[in-house]
Amino acid sequence: MTYLTLSQAPHLLPTVARWYFDTWGARVPGHTYDDEQQRLEVFLHDNELPMLLMAMQNDVPIAAAQLKFHERTEHPERLHWLGGVFVTPQHRGRDLASAMIEALMQKARGYGVREVFLQTEHDDGGLYARLGWEPLERQTHRTGVPVRIMRRVLPIAR
């Protein structure tokens, strides 16, 4: 398996946008697939953050994850956020999400990122708790869904 950033394979933007829209975006009133494609354009640059990383198998994308800025605006000091962790249904249950997250955290460390936040619908933290993320507070997502905010402190890159 190889990893590519969206900027390395911009032709895959519609595929990732479809995954995200069908999984999360359709819940947002008035949000469209076209809006989702436009939202992902921020990831179409090289060698800087924000970053969208994709796992590839035989030149086909099978998973994605994002390192982005300011997922939630009520805490502007929380700069870096993990989001959009998605694995295609036929590839789930193979620890691919864990591998994607770890690869993205390694890249984050390389950019000097010291802490990363996320929001999950799993109150117990699910996968993220097993990967060492610390639960913080409960909040409500803009879609009305309750979410758990979590944090991970990254070791300093050497």
N, C-alpha and C. Protein backbone atom coordinates (compact mmCIF):
# COMPACT_ATOMS: atom_id res chain seq x y z
N MET A 1 0.84 -1.17 0.00
CA MET A 1 0.00 0.00 0.00
C MET A 1 0.89 1.24 0.00
N THR A 2 0.44 2.24 -0.73
CA THR A 2 1.17 3.50 -0.78
C THR A 2 0.25 4.62 -0.31
N TYR A 3 0.87 5.74 0.03
CA TYR A 3 0.12 6.93 0.43
C TYR A 3 0.41 8.06 -0.54
N LEU A 4 -0.62 8.78 -0.90
CA LEU A 4 -0.51 9.97 -1.73
C LEU A 4 -1.29 11.09 -1.09
N THR A 5 -0.82 12.31 -1.26
CA THR A 5 -1.64 13.45 -0.86
C THR A 5 -2.59 13.78 -2.01
N LEU A 6 -3.66 14.46 -1.70
CA LEU A 6 -4.60 14.85 -2.74
C LEU A 6 -3.91 15.74 -3.77
N SER A 7 -2.94 16.54 -3.33
CA SER A 7 -2.23 17.39 -4.28
C SER A 7 -1.40 16.57 -5.27
N GLN A 8 -1.02 15.35 -4.91
CA GLN A 8 -0.28 14.48 -5.82
C GLN A 8 -1.20 13.77 -6.81
N ALA A 9 -2.49 13.72 -6.51
CA ALA A 9 -3.45 13.02 -7.37
C ALA A 9 -4.77 13.81 -7.40
N PRO A 10 -4.73 15.04 -7.91
CA PRO A 10 -5.93 15.89 -7.87
C PRO A 10 -7.13 15.32 -8.62
N HIS A 11 -6.88 14.41 -9.56
CA HIS A 11 -7.98 13.79 -10.29
C HIS A 11 -8.87 12.94 -9.38
N LEU A 12 -8.39 12.63 -8.16
CA LEU A 12 -9.18 11.83 -7.22
C LEU A 12 -10.08 12.67 -6.32
N LEU A 13 -10.02 13.99 -6.45
CA LEU A 13 -10.86 14.86 -5.63
C LEU A 13 -12.34 14.47 -5.73
N PRO A 14 -12.92 14.24 -6.91
CA PRO A 14 -14.34 13.86 -6.96
C PRO A 14 -14.66 12.57 -6.19
N THR A 15 -13.74 11.62 -6.21
CA THR A 15 -13.96 10.36 -5.48
C THR A 15 -14.02 10.61 -3.98
N VAL A 16 -13.04 11.35 -3.46
CA VAL A 16 -13.00 11.63 -2.03
C VAL A 16 -14.20 12.50 -1.63
N ALA A 17 -14.54 13.47 -2.47
CA ALA A 17 -15.71 14.31 -2.19
C ALA A 17 -16.98 13.46 -2.10
N ARG A 18 -17.11 12.47 -2.94
CA ARG A 18 -18.28 11.59 -2.91
C ARG A 18 -18.31 10.81 -1.60
N TRP A 19 -17.15 10.26 -1.18
CA TRP A 19 -17.10 9.54 0.10
C TRP A 19 -17.57 10.44 1.23
N TYR A 20 -17.00 11.64 1.29
CA TYR A 20 -17.29 12.56 2.40
C TYR A 20 -18.73 13.05 2.35
N PHE A 21 -19.21 13.38 1.17
CA PHE A 21 -20.59 13.86 1.07
C PHE A 21 -21.57 12.78 1.49
N ASP A 22 -21.39 11.57 0.97
CA ASP A 22 -22.33 10.49 1.30
C ASP A 22 -22.27 10.11 2.78
N THR A 23 -21.10 10.21 3.39
CA THR A 23 -20.94 9.81 4.79
C THR A 23 -21.37 10.90 5.76
N TRP A 24 -20.96 12.15 5.51
CA TRP A 24 -21.21 13.23 6.46
C TRP A 24 -21.92 14.44 5.85
N GLY A 25 -21.54 14.84 4.67
CA GLY A 25 -22.04 16.08 4.09
C GLY A 25 -23.53 16.12 3.85
N ALA A 26 -24.11 14.98 3.51
CA ALA A 26 -25.55 14.94 3.22
C ALA A 26 -26.38 15.27 4.46
N ARG A 27 -25.78 15.18 5.64
CA ARG A 27 -26.48 15.52 6.89
C ARG A 27 -26.66 17.02 7.09
N VAL A 28 -25.83 17.81 6.40
CA VAL A 28 -25.83 19.26 6.60
C VAL A 28 -26.87 19.88 5.68
N PRO A 29 -27.89 20.52 6.25
CA PRO A 29 -28.94 21.12 5.41
C PRO A 29 -28.35 22.09 4.38
N GLY A 30 -28.73 21.90 3.13
CA GLY A 30 -28.30 22.78 2.06
C GLY A 30 -26.92 22.47 1.49
N HIS A 31 -26.18 21.56 2.11
CA HIS A 31 -24.84 21.21 1.62
C HIS A 31 -24.97 20.25 0.45
N THR A 32 -24.22 20.49 -0.62
CA THR A 32 -24.30 19.66 -1.81
C THR A 32 -22.97 18.97 -2.09
N TYR A 33 -23.01 18.01 -2.98
CA TYR A 33 -21.79 17.33 -3.44
C TYR A 33 -20.83 18.35 -4.05
N ASP A 34 -21.35 19.30 -4.82
CA ASP A 34 -20.49 20.33 -5.40
C ASP A 34 -19.82 21.16 -4.31
N ASP A 35 -20.56 21.46 -3.23
CA ASP A 35 -19.98 22.18 -2.10
C ASP A 35 -18.83 21.38 -1.50
N GLU A 36 -19.03 20.07 -1.40
CA GLU A 36 -17.99 19.21 -0.83
C GLU A 36 -16.74 19.22 -1.71
N GLN A 37 -16.92 19.16 -3.00
CA GLN A 37 -15.76 19.23 -3.91
C GLN A 37 -15.02 20.54 -3.73
N GLN A 38 -15.76 21.62 -3.66
CA GLN A 38 -15.14 22.93 -3.50
C GLN A 38 -14.41 23.02 -2.15
N ARG A 39 -14.98 22.47 -1.10
CA ARG A 39 -14.38 22.49 0.23
C ARG A 39 -13.03 21.77 0.24
N LEU A 40 -12.90 20.73 -0.57
CA LEU A 40 -11.66 19.95 -0.61
C LEU A 40 -10.55 20.61 -1.43
N GLU A 41 -10.85 21.64 -2.16
CA GLU A 41 -9.83 22.31 -2.98
C GLU A 41 -8.70 22.89 -2.14
N VAL A 42 -8.94 23.14 -0.86
CA VAL A 42 -7.90 23.67 0.02
C VAL A 42 -6.72 22.70 0.16
N PHE A 43 -6.95 21.43 -0.16
CA PHE A 43 -5.91 20.41 -0.05
C PHE A 43 -5.09 20.24 -1.33
N LEU A 44 -5.34 21.07 -2.34
CA LEU A 44 -4.66 20.92 -3.63
C LEU A 44 -3.40 21.78 -3.72
N HIS A 45 -2.51 21.62 -2.78
CA HIS A 45 -1.22 22.32 -2.81
C HIS A 45 -0.16 21.36 -2.30
N ASP A 46 1.07 21.64 -2.62
CA ASP A 46 2.15 20.73 -2.25
C ASP A 46 2.92 21.19 -1.03
N ASN A 47 3.38 20.21 -0.24
CA ASN A 47 4.37 20.42 0.81
C ASN A 47 4.00 21.44 1.87
N GLU A 48 2.74 21.49 2.26
CA GLU A 48 2.31 22.35 3.36
C GLU A 48 0.99 21.84 3.90
N LEU A 49 0.61 22.39 5.02
CA LEU A 49 -0.68 22.05 5.62
C LEU A 49 -1.70 23.08 5.18
N PRO A 50 -2.97 22.71 5.10
CA PRO A 50 -3.58 21.43 5.45
C PRO A 50 -3.26 20.35 4.41
N MET A 51 -3.49 19.11 4.82
CA MET A 51 -3.12 17.96 3.99
C MET A 51 -4.22 16.91 4.03
N LEU A 52 -4.49 16.34 2.87
CA LEU A 52 -5.39 15.19 2.78
C LEU A 52 -4.55 14.04 2.25
N LEU A 53 -4.46 12.99 3.06
CA LEU A 53 -3.67 11.82 2.72
C LEU A 53 -4.59 10.68 2.31
N MET A 54 -4.23 9.98 1.24
CA MET A 54 -5.03 8.85 0.76
C MET A 54 -4.18 7.58 0.76
N ALA A 55 -4.78 6.48 1.15
CA ALA A 55 -4.15 5.17 1.01
C ALA A 55 -4.55 4.62 -0.34
N MET A 56 -3.55 4.11 -1.06
CA MET A 56 -3.79 3.61 -2.41
C MET A 56 -3.45 2.13 -2.47
N GLN A 57 -4.28 1.39 -3.20
CA GLN A 57 -4.01 -0.02 -3.45
C GLN A 57 -4.21 -0.24 -4.94
N ASN A 58 -3.15 -0.62 -5.62
CA ASN A 58 -3.20 -0.81 -7.08
C ASN A 58 -3.71 0.44 -7.79
N ASP A 59 -3.21 1.59 -7.37
CA ASP A 59 -3.57 2.89 -7.95
C ASP A 59 -5.03 3.29 -7.73
N VAL A 60 -5.70 2.65 -6.78
CA VAL A 60 -7.09 2.97 -6.46
C VAL A 60 -7.13 3.47 -5.02
N PRO A 61 -7.79 4.63 -4.77
CA PRO A 61 -7.88 5.11 -3.40
C PRO A 61 -8.82 4.22 -2.58
N ILE A 62 -8.38 3.87 -1.36
CA ILE A 62 -9.21 3.02 -0.51
C ILE A 62 -9.46 3.63 0.86
N ALA A 63 -8.79 4.74 1.17
CA ALA A 63 -8.98 5.41 2.45
C ALA A 63 -8.44 6.83 2.36
N ALA A 64 -8.90 7.67 3.28
CA ALA A 64 -8.42 9.05 3.32
C ALA A 64 -8.49 9.57 4.75
N ALA A 65 -7.68 10.58 5.03
CA ALA A 65 -7.71 11.29 6.31
C ALA A 65 -7.12 12.67 6.08
N GLN A 66 -7.56 13.62 6.89
CA GLN A 66 -7.14 15.01 6.73
C GLN A 66 -6.46 15.54 7.99
N LEU A 67 -5.49 16.40 7.78
CA LEU A 67 -4.94 17.23 8.85
C LEU A 67 -5.26 18.65 8.42
N LYS A 68 -6.12 19.31 9.19
CA LYS A 68 -6.62 20.62 8.78
C LYS A 68 -6.55 21.61 9.93
N PHE A 69 -6.96 22.83 9.63
CA PHE A 69 -6.93 23.90 10.61
C PHE A 69 -8.34 24.19 11.14
N HIS A 70 -8.42 24.51 12.41
CA HIS A 70 -9.63 25.08 13.05
C HIS A 70 -10.94 24.39 12.68
N GLU A 71 -11.05 23.12 13.00
CA GLU A 71 -12.30 22.39 12.78
C GLU A 71 -13.45 23.06 13.55
N ARG A 72 -13.14 23.50 14.76
CA ARG A 72 -14.16 24.14 15.59
C ARG A 72 -13.63 25.52 15.97
N THR A 73 -14.43 26.54 15.70
CA THR A 73 -13.96 27.91 15.86
C THR A 73 -14.07 28.45 17.28
N GLU A 74 -14.79 27.76 18.17
CA GLU A 74 -14.94 28.29 19.53
C GLU A 74 -13.67 28.19 20.35
N HIS A 75 -12.68 27.44 19.87
CA HIS A 75 -11.38 27.34 20.52
C HIS A 75 -10.29 27.64 19.48
N PRO A 76 -10.04 28.92 19.18
CA PRO A 76 -9.07 29.25 18.14
C PRO A 76 -7.65 28.79 18.45
N GLU A 77 -7.36 28.54 19.72
CA GLU A 77 -6.02 28.06 20.08
C GLU A 77 -5.81 26.60 19.67
N ARG A 78 -6.87 25.89 19.36
CA ARG A 78 -6.78 24.51 18.89
C ARG A 78 -6.62 24.54 17.37
N LEU A 79 -5.39 24.62 16.94
CA LEU A 79 -5.10 24.89 15.53
C LEU A 79 -5.25 23.68 14.61
N HIS A 80 -4.65 22.56 14.96
CA HIS A 80 -4.58 21.40 14.06
C HIS A 80 -5.61 20.33 14.43
N TRP A 81 -6.31 19.86 13.42
CA TRP A 81 -7.38 18.89 13.63
C TRP A 81 -7.25 17.72 12.66
N LEU A 82 -7.47 16.53 13.18
CA LEU A 82 -7.61 15.34 12.35
C LEU A 82 -9.08 15.25 11.95
N GLY A 83 -9.35 14.93 10.72
CA GLY A 83 -10.73 14.80 10.29
C GLY A 83 -10.83 13.97 9.03
N GLY A 84 -12.07 13.70 8.64
CA GLY A 84 -12.31 13.01 7.39
C GLY A 84 -11.67 11.64 7.30
N VAL A 85 -11.58 10.93 8.43
CA VAL A 85 -10.99 9.59 8.40
C VAL A 85 -12.05 8.66 7.79
N PHE A 86 -11.73 8.14 6.62
CA PHE A 86 -12.68 7.32 5.88
C PHE A 86 -11.96 6.13 5.26
N VAL A 87 -12.57 4.97 5.38
CA VAL A 87 -12.08 3.75 4.73
C VAL A 87 -13.24 3.17 3.93
N THR A 88 -12.98 2.79 2.69
CA THR A 88 -14.06 2.21 1.89
C THR A 88 -14.59 0.95 2.57
N PRO A 89 -15.89 0.70 2.46
CA PRO A 89 -16.49 -0.43 3.19
C PRO A 89 -15.80 -1.77 2.97
N GLN A 90 -15.36 -2.06 1.76
CA GLN A 90 -14.74 -3.36 1.49
C GLN A 90 -13.35 -3.49 2.10
N HIS A 91 -12.77 -2.39 2.62
CA HIS A 91 -11.44 -2.44 3.22
C HIS A 91 -11.45 -2.21 4.72
N ARG A 92 -12.62 -2.13 5.30
CA ARG A 92 -12.72 -1.91 6.75
C ARG A 92 -12.36 -3.18 7.52
N GLY A 93 -11.97 -2.99 8.78
CA GLY A 93 -11.64 -4.13 9.63
C GLY A 93 -10.23 -4.65 9.42
N ARG A 94 -9.37 -3.88 8.76
CA ARG A 94 -8.00 -4.31 8.47
C ARG A 94 -6.97 -3.36 9.08
N ASP A 95 -7.38 -2.57 10.05
CA ASP A 95 -6.52 -1.59 10.71
C ASP A 95 -6.02 -0.50 9.77
N LEU A 96 -6.73 -0.29 8.69
CA LEU A 96 -6.32 0.72 7.72
C LEU A 96 -6.49 2.13 8.28
N ALA A 97 -7.57 2.38 9.02
CA ALA A 97 -7.77 3.71 9.62
C ALA A 97 -6.63 4.02 10.58
N SER A 98 -6.25 3.05 11.39
CA SER A 98 -5.13 3.25 12.32
C SER A 98 -3.85 3.59 11.58
N ALA A 99 -3.57 2.86 10.52
CA ALA A 99 -2.36 3.10 9.73
C ALA A 99 -2.40 4.49 9.10
N MET A 100 -3.56 4.88 8.58
CA MET A 100 -3.71 6.21 7.96
C MET A 100 -3.45 7.31 8.99
N ILE A 101 -4.04 7.16 10.16
CA ILE A 101 -3.89 8.16 11.21
C ILE A 101 -2.42 8.27 11.62
N GLU A 102 -1.76 7.14 11.80
CA GLU A 102 -0.35 7.17 12.20
C GLU A 102 0.52 7.79 11.13
N ALA A 103 0.26 7.48 9.86
CA ALA A 103 1.03 8.08 8.77
C ALA A 103 0.82 9.60 8.74
N LEU A 104 -0.40 10.03 8.95
CA LEU A 104 -0.69 11.46 8.94
C LEU A 104 -0.05 12.15 10.15
N MET A 105 -0.04 11.49 11.31
CA MET A 105 0.59 12.08 12.49
C MET A 105 2.10 12.19 12.31
N GLN A 106 2.70 11.23 11.60
CA GLN A 106 4.13 11.33 11.30
C GLN A 106 4.40 12.55 10.41
N LYS A 107 3.55 12.75 9.43
CA LYS A 107 3.70 13.92 8.57
C LYS A 107 3.50 15.20 9.38
N ALA A 108 2.53 15.21 10.28
CA ALA A 108 2.27 16.38 11.12
C ALA A 108 3.51 16.72 11.95
N ARG A 109 4.12 15.70 12.54
CA ARG A 109 5.35 15.92 13.32
C ARG A 109 6.42 16.56 12.47
N GLY A 110 6.52 16.13 11.23
CA GLY A 110 7.51 16.71 10.32
C GLY A 110 7.28 18.19 10.04
N TYR A 111 6.05 18.64 10.22
CA TYR A 111 5.72 20.05 10.05
C TYR A 111 5.77 20.81 11.38
N GLY A 112 6.22 20.12 12.43
CA GLY A 112 6.35 20.78 13.74
C GLY A 112 5.07 20.86 14.54
N VAL A 113 4.06 20.11 14.15
CA VAL A 113 2.79 20.11 14.88
C VAL A 113 2.99 19.40 16.21
N ARG A 114 2.53 20.03 17.30
CA ARG A 114 2.72 19.46 18.64
C ARG A 114 1.46 18.83 19.21
N GLU A 115 0.28 19.33 18.83
CA GLU A 115 -0.94 18.71 19.31
C GLU A 115 -2.00 18.77 18.22
N VAL A 116 -2.82 17.71 18.20
CA VAL A 116 -3.86 17.57 17.20
C VAL A 116 -5.15 17.24 17.92
N PHE A 117 -6.24 17.82 17.46
CA PHE A 117 -7.55 17.59 18.04
C PHE A 117 -8.42 16.85 17.02
N LEU A 118 -9.50 16.29 17.49
CA LEU A 118 -10.48 15.67 16.61
C LEU A 118 -11.83 15.69 17.30
N GLN A 119 -12.86 15.42 16.52
CA GLN A 119 -14.19 15.22 17.07
C GLN A 119 -14.72 13.90 16.54
N THR A 120 -15.35 13.15 17.43
CA THR A 120 -15.90 11.86 17.05
C THR A 120 -17.29 11.70 17.65
N GLU A 121 -18.12 10.95 16.95
CA GLU A 121 -19.47 10.67 17.45
C GLU A 121 -19.45 9.58 18.52
N HIS A 122 -18.33 8.88 18.67
CA HIS A 122 -18.23 7.81 19.66
C HIS A 122 -17.81 8.41 21.00
N ASP A 123 -18.71 8.44 21.94
CA ASP A 123 -18.44 9.10 23.22
C ASP A 123 -17.25 8.49 23.95
N ASP A 124 -17.04 7.19 23.78
CA ASP A 124 -15.90 6.54 24.46
C ASP A 124 -14.59 6.73 23.69
N GLY A 125 -14.65 7.41 22.56
CA GLY A 125 -13.45 7.66 21.76
C GLY A 125 -13.15 6.58 20.75
N GLY A 126 -13.73 5.39 20.94
CA GLY A 126 -13.56 4.30 19.98
C GLY A 126 -12.11 4.08 19.57
N LEU A 127 -11.88 4.03 18.29
CA LEU A 127 -10.55 3.82 17.71
C LEU A 127 -9.55 4.84 18.24
N TYR A 128 -9.97 6.09 18.35
CA TYR A 128 -9.04 7.14 18.75
C TYR A 128 -8.54 6.94 20.18
N ALA A 129 -9.39 6.50 21.06
CA ALA A 129 -8.96 6.21 22.43
C ALA A 129 -7.93 5.08 22.43
N ARG A 130 -8.16 4.06 21.60
CA ARG A 130 -7.21 2.95 21.51
C ARG A 130 -5.86 3.40 20.95
N LEU A 131 -5.86 4.49 20.17
CA LEU A 131 -4.62 5.02 19.60
C LEU A 131 -3.97 6.08 20.48
N GLY A 132 -4.51 6.28 21.67
CA GLY A 132 -3.87 7.19 22.62
C GLY A 132 -4.39 8.62 22.64
N TRP A 133 -5.52 8.87 22.01
CA TRP A 133 -6.11 10.20 22.06
C TRP A 133 -6.80 10.40 23.40
N GLU A 134 -6.67 11.58 23.96
CA GLU A 134 -7.22 11.93 25.27
C GLU A 134 -8.59 12.59 25.10
N PRO A 135 -9.63 12.08 25.79
CA PRO A 135 -10.94 12.71 25.70
C PRO A 135 -10.95 14.06 26.41
N LEU A 136 -11.56 15.03 25.80
CA LEU A 136 -11.72 16.34 26.42
C LEU A 136 -13.21 16.54 26.73
N GLU A 137 -13.85 17.48 26.08
CA GLU A 137 -15.25 17.75 26.39
C GLU A 137 -16.21 17.21 25.34
N ARG A 138 -17.49 17.24 25.70
CA ARG A 138 -18.58 16.92 24.78
C ARG A 138 -19.09 18.23 24.20
N GLN A 139 -19.42 18.20 22.92
CA GLN A 139 -20.02 19.36 22.27
C GLN A 139 -21.07 18.88 21.30
N THR A 140 -21.74 19.83 20.67
CA THR A 140 -22.72 19.48 19.65
C THR A 140 -22.20 19.97 18.31
N HIS A 141 -22.17 19.07 17.36
CA HIS A 141 -21.75 19.42 16.00
C HIS A 141 -22.82 20.31 15.38
N ARG A 142 -22.45 21.06 14.35
CA ARG A 142 -23.42 21.96 13.69
C ARG A 142 -24.61 21.23 13.10
N THR A 143 -24.48 19.92 12.93
CA THR A 143 -25.61 19.12 12.43
C THR A 143 -26.54 18.69 13.56
N GLY A 144 -26.17 19.04 14.80
CA GLY A 144 -26.98 18.66 15.96
C GLY A 144 -26.54 17.36 16.61
N VAL A 145 -25.54 16.70 16.05
CA VAL A 145 -25.05 15.42 16.56
C VAL A 145 -24.07 15.68 17.71
N PRO A 146 -24.23 14.99 18.85
CA PRO A 146 -23.25 15.15 19.92
C PRO A 146 -21.92 14.52 19.54
N VAL A 147 -20.83 15.20 19.86
CA VAL A 147 -19.49 14.70 19.55
C VAL A 147 -18.58 14.84 20.76
N ARG A 148 -17.58 13.99 20.81
CA ARG A 148 -16.53 14.05 21.83
C ARG A 148 -15.32 14.71 21.18
N ILE A 149 -14.78 15.73 21.82
CA ILE A 149 -13.54 16.36 21.38
C ILE A 149 -12.40 15.62 22.05
N MET A 150 -11.37 15.29 21.29
CA MET A 150 -10.22 14.57 21.81
C MET A 150 -8.94 15.25 21.37
N ARG A 151 -7.84 14.93 22.06
CA ARG A 151 -6.55 15.56 21.77
C ARG A 151 -5.44 14.52 21.83
N ARG A 152 -4.44 14.74 21.00
CA ARG A 152 -3.23 13.92 21.05
C ARG A 152 -2.02 14.84 20.98
N VAL A 153 -1.12 14.68 21.94
CA VAL A 153 0.12 15.45 21.95
C VAL A 153 1.16 14.60 21.22
N LEU A 154 1.82 15.23 20.24
CA LEU A 154 2.81 14.52 19.43
C LEU A 154 4.21 14.76 19.98
N PRO A 155 5.03 13.74 19.96
CA PRO A 155 6.42 13.95 20.39
C PRO A 155 7.14 14.85 19.40
N ILE A 156 8.14 15.52 19.88
CA ILE A 156 8.91 16.44 19.03
C ILE A 156 9.67 15.61 18.00
N ALA A 157 9.58 16.05 16.74
CA ALA A 157 10.29 15.36 15.65
C ALA A 157 11.79 15.56 15.82
N ARG A 158 12.55 14.52 15.58
CA ARG A 158 14.02 14.60 15.70
C ARG A 158 14.68 14.45 14.36
